[in-house]
Protein backbone atom coordinates (compact mmCIF):
# COMPACT_ATOMS: atom_id res chain seq x y z
CA MET A 1 -28.74 9.63 -10.80
CA GLY A 2 -27.05 6.16 -10.76
CA TYR A 3 -23.72 5.76 -11.28
CA VAL A 4 -21.69 5.05 -14.82
CA GLU A 5 -21.22 1.31 -14.45
CA TRP A 6 -17.44 0.07 -14.64
CA GLU A 7 -15.70 -2.80 -14.70
CA ILE A 8 -12.33 -4.33 -14.59
CA LYS A 9 -10.23 -7.58 -14.55
CA ALA A 10 -6.46 -7.20 -13.94
CA ARG A 11 -3.52 -8.49 -12.33
CA GLU A 12 -2.13 -6.51 -9.49
CA PHE A 13 1.46 -5.57 -7.31
CA ALA A 14 1.59 -3.58 -4.46
CA ASN A 15 4.18 -2.56 -2.23
CA CYS A 16 3.82 -1.21 1.15
CA ASN A 17 6.03 -0.12 3.77
CA CYS A 18 4.68 -2.86 6.10
CA ALA A 19 6.27 -5.69 7.29
CA TYR A 20 5.56 -9.25 4.89
CA GLY A 21 2.11 -9.88 5.63
CA CYS A 22 1.05 -5.84 6.54
CA PRO A 23 -1.00 -5.91 9.85
CA CYS A 24 -3.21 -3.69 7.88
CA GLN A 25 -5.14 -6.10 6.34
CA PHE A 26 -6.24 -7.92 9.65
CA ASN A 27 -7.78 -4.43 10.72
CA ALA A 28 -4.80 -4.20 12.80
CA LEU A 29 -2.25 -0.76 12.83
CA PRO A 30 0.48 -0.04 10.08
CA THR A 31 3.52 -1.58 11.33
CA HIS A 32 5.88 1.89 11.71
CA GLY A 33 2.73 3.64 12.41
CA HIS A 34 2.28 5.41 8.84
CA CYS A 35 1.35 4.19 5.25
CA ARG A 36 3.15 3.94 2.11
CA ALA A 37 1.95 2.53 -1.02
CA VAL A 38 2.58 2.06 -4.50
CA GLY A 39 0.78 -0.20 -6.45
CA ALA A 40 0.39 -1.15 -10.35
CA PHE A 41 -2.03 -3.17 -12.56
CA ALA A 42 -2.61 -4.16 -16.31
CA ILE A 43 -6.26 -4.91 -17.33
CA ASP A 44 -6.98 -7.56 -18.61
CA GLU A 45 -10.21 -6.57 -19.66
CA GLY A 46 -12.94 -3.62 -18.69
CA TYR A 47 -14.95 -1.32 -19.46
CA PHE A 48 -16.57 2.11 -18.67
CA GLY A 49 -19.39 2.65 -19.53
CA ASP A 50 -19.21 2.44 -23.16
CA VAL A 51 -15.28 2.88 -22.79
CA ARG A 52 -13.21 -0.14 -23.75
CA LEU A 53 -10.05 -0.23 -21.41
CA ASP A 54 -8.71 -3.72 -21.79
CA GLY A 55 -5.01 -3.60 -22.20
CA LEU A 56 -4.15 -0.04 -20.11
CA ARG A 57 -2.21 -0.05 -17.44
CA ALA A 58 -1.97 2.22 -14.14
CA VAL A 59 0.04 2.71 -10.94
CA ASN A 60 -1.19 4.73 -8.16
CA MET A 61 0.90 6.27 -5.18
CA GLY A 62 -0.36 7.49 -1.63
CA LYS A 63 0.83 8.20 1.77
CA TRP A 64 -0.43 8.68 5.38
CA PRO A 65 1.08 10.51 8.43
CA GLY A 66 -0.90 7.42 10.55
CA PRO A 67 -2.98 4.63 9.73
CA VAL A 68 -4.79 5.23 6.39
CA HIS A 69 -8.19 5.57 8.42
CA GLU A 70 -7.03 8.46 9.95
CA GLY A 71 -6.54 10.41 7.16
CA GLY A 72 -4.45 12.95 5.81
CA GLY A 73 -3.45 11.24 3.06
CA THR A 74 -1.66 12.34 -0.47
CA TRP A 75 -3.37 10.15 -3.35
CA GLN A 76 -1.69 10.69 -7.16
CA ALA A 77 -2.64 8.12 -9.98
CA ILE A 78 -0.70 7.58 -13.43
CA ILE A 79 -2.45 6.79 -16.30
CA ASP A 80 -1.22 4.30 -19.24
CA GLN A 81 -0.20 7.56 -21.87
CA ARG A 82 -1.08 5.35 -24.87
CA ALA A 83 -4.69 5.36 -23.63
CA ASN A 84 -6.99 8.18 -25.79
CA GLU A 85 -8.79 11.02 -24.14
CA ALA A 86 -12.14 8.74 -23.52
CA GLN A 87 -10.42 6.40 -21.63
CA ARG A 88 -7.83 8.16 -19.91
CA ALA A 89 -11.06 10.06 -18.22
CA ALA A 90 -12.70 6.70 -17.44
CA LEU A 91 -9.65 5.61 -15.65
CA ALA A 92 -8.97 9.20 -13.64
CA LYS A 93 -13.12 8.14 -12.69
CA ILE A 94 -12.09 4.84 -11.66
CA LEU A 95 -9.03 5.72 -9.78
CA TYR A 96 -10.30 8.83 -7.78
CA GLY A 97 -13.14 6.94 -6.69
CA GLN A 98 -15.23 8.43 -8.78
CA GLU A 99 -18.29 6.61 -10.00
CA THR A 100 -17.80 3.94 -7.24
CA GLU A 101 -20.20 3.48 -4.54
CA PRO A 102 -18.64 5.20 -1.06
CA GLY A 103 -16.22 2.62 0.27
CA ALA A 104 -16.72 -0.24 -2.15
CA THR A 105 -13.04 -0.13 -4.16
CA MET A 106 -9.50 0.97 -2.15
CA TRP A 107 -9.30 3.53 -4.66
CA SER A 108 -12.52 4.97 -2.85
CA ILE A 109 -11.35 4.48 -0.09
CA PHE A 110 -8.00 5.83 -0.36
CA THR A 111 -8.96 9.19 -1.96
CA SER A 112 -11.88 9.65 0.91
CA MET A 113 -8.67 9.46 3.42
CA SER A 114 -6.77 11.98 1.58
CA SER A 115 -6.42 15.33 2.20
CA THR A 116 -4.51 15.98 -1.07
CA VAL A 117 -5.49 14.29 -4.28
CA LEU A 118 -3.11 15.67 -7.50
CA ASP A 119 -4.31 14.97 -10.72
CA PRO A 120 -3.11 12.42 -12.31
CA LEU A 121 -0.19 12.23 -14.53
CA TYR A 122 0.40 9.90 -18.36
CA ALA A 123 3.13 8.76 -18.90
CA GLU A 124 4.64 5.09 -20.25
CA ILE A 125 4.60 2.62 -17.34
CA GLN A 126 6.44 -0.35 -18.12
CA PHE A 127 4.61 -3.10 -15.92
CA GLU A 128 5.11 -7.24 -15.86
CA VAL A 129 3.93 -9.29 -13.42
CA ASP A 130 3.88 -13.13 -12.48
CA ILE A 131 1.61 -13.75 -9.53
CA GLU A 132 2.49 -16.93 -9.06
CA ARG A 133 6.01 -16.80 -9.15
CA ARG A 134 5.73 -13.66 -6.73
CA GLN A 135 7.89 -11.64 -9.62
CA ALA A 136 6.86 -8.66 -10.86
CA ARG A 137 8.65 -5.31 -12.58
CA VAL A 138 7.76 -1.57 -12.62
CA VAL A 139 8.90 1.17 -14.59
CA VAL A 140 7.58 4.87 -14.96
CA PRO A 141 10.72 6.35 -16.30
CA GLY A 142 11.62 9.30 -14.25
CA LEU A 143 9.95 8.95 -11.29
CA ILE A 144 9.55 5.21 -10.25
CA GLU A 145 11.25 2.04 -9.95
CA ALA A 146 10.21 -1.09 -8.44
CA LYS A 147 10.30 -4.87 -8.43
CA GLY A 148 8.93 -7.91 -6.93
CA GLU A 149 9.97 -10.98 -5.75
CA PRO A 150 9.59 -14.28 -3.32
CA ILE A 151 10.26 -13.95 0.19
CA ARG A 152 13.01 -15.96 1.26
CA ASN A 153 14.01 -18.00 3.84
CA PRO A 154 16.21 -16.05 6.16
CA VAL A 155 18.50 -19.01 7.07
CA THR A 156 18.25 -21.18 3.78
CA GLY A 157 17.48 -18.53 1.25
CA ALA A 158 14.90 -21.00 0.15
CA GLU A 159 11.73 -19.20 -1.18
CA ALA A 160 8.75 -18.65 1.14
CA ARG A 161 4.88 -19.09 -0.17
CA ALA A 162 1.83 -17.88 1.72
CA ARG A 163 -1.19 -16.00 0.59
CA ILE A 164 -4.07 -14.15 1.93
CA ASP A 165 -7.85 -14.60 1.98
CA ILE A 166 -9.73 -12.07 2.49
CA VAL A 167 -13.63 -13.24 2.55
CA ASP A 168 -14.81 -9.80 2.55
CA GLY A 169 -12.21 -7.52 1.29
CA PHE A 170 -12.48 -4.72 -1.17
CA GLU A 171 -9.51 -4.79 -2.86
CA PHE A 172 -8.79 -8.59 -3.97
CA THR A 173 -10.30 -11.88 -2.55
CA ILE A 174 -6.60 -14.08 -2.72
CA ALA A 175 -3.14 -12.61 -3.18
CA GLU A 176 0.15 -13.83 -2.97
CA MET A 177 3.12 -12.59 -0.65
CA GLY A 178 5.79 -11.25 -2.00
CA SER A 179 8.68 -8.72 -1.39
CA GLY A 180 8.05 -5.67 -2.19
CA THR A 181 11.45 -2.79 -3.25
CA SER A 182 10.43 0.42 -4.83
CA LYS A 183 11.85 3.75 -5.33
CA VAL A 184 9.38 6.69 -6.02
CA THR A 185 10.28 10.71 -6.58
CA GLY A 186 8.00 13.02 -7.18
CA ALA A 187 4.83 14.43 -4.88
CA VAL A 188 4.36 11.18 -3.60
CA ALA A 189 7.96 10.07 -2.83
CA MET A 190 8.75 7.03 -0.85
CA ASP A 191 11.79 4.49 -0.58
CA LEU A 192 10.82 0.75 0.19
CA VAL A 193 13.16 -1.67 0.50
CA ALA A 194 12.36 -5.33 0.99
CA SER A 195 9.24 -4.15 2.62
CA TYR A 196 5.29 -5.73 2.00
CA GLY A 197 4.39 -6.90 -1.32
CA GLN A 198 0.78 -8.32 -2.63
CA PHE A 199 0.28 -10.27 -6.38
CA ALA A 200 -2.99 -10.30 -6.85
CA ARG A 201 -6.01 -11.07 -9.47
CA ILE A 202 -8.51 -8.25 -9.19
CA HIS A 203 -11.68 -8.00 -10.36
CA LEU A 204 -13.41 -5.03 -8.78
CA SER A 205 -16.36 -2.24 -10.49
CA THR A 206 -18.69 0.36 -9.65
CA HIS A 207 -20.18 -1.71 -6.74
CA GLY A 208 -16.94 -3.33 -5.18
CA ILE A 209 -15.48 -6.91 -5.48
CA VAL A 210 -16.89 -9.06 -8.68
CA ARG A 211 -17.70 -12.36 -6.37
């Protein structure tokens, strides 16, 4: 049986506990030996089969006791409460790696590397992101407060700009680097301060990045 075809174009902000640049992006081990990450995205255009996803938002949260590829993680998604029943079901399948070629997206990889996969939450998601300016704000009332900002030169305070270009990536092709600070409570709690932040346009489908 074939997969349901889906595709999304979205703007993303993600924050993890690694140092700026994140060694994981270069097939190296995480800065502190373990992984904590939260990511939010706003869908500009998207569909899952015949279900439109335009204008919806979502957040994913994950933590692993070691590098992600060693497994044992905990994973949960938050889906925009504005989504109707069909849209909620569609986004849940995407964010939990279903109806996706194995390993084709970060969601497929992260869920497959998690021994605890929690049911999605449905909540208000406040999300603003300016990729070029490396600015973001994420609020899920009572659960998440996160912000992204430019990395600054430690001597002069001037904004520093850097990008990562991953030719064969499974999440993005080019991402702006920044600084992220996130406070997450609940089952996937984390407290990240001035750590790795990425700002990217993502274009993903059933079969991975659309190039």
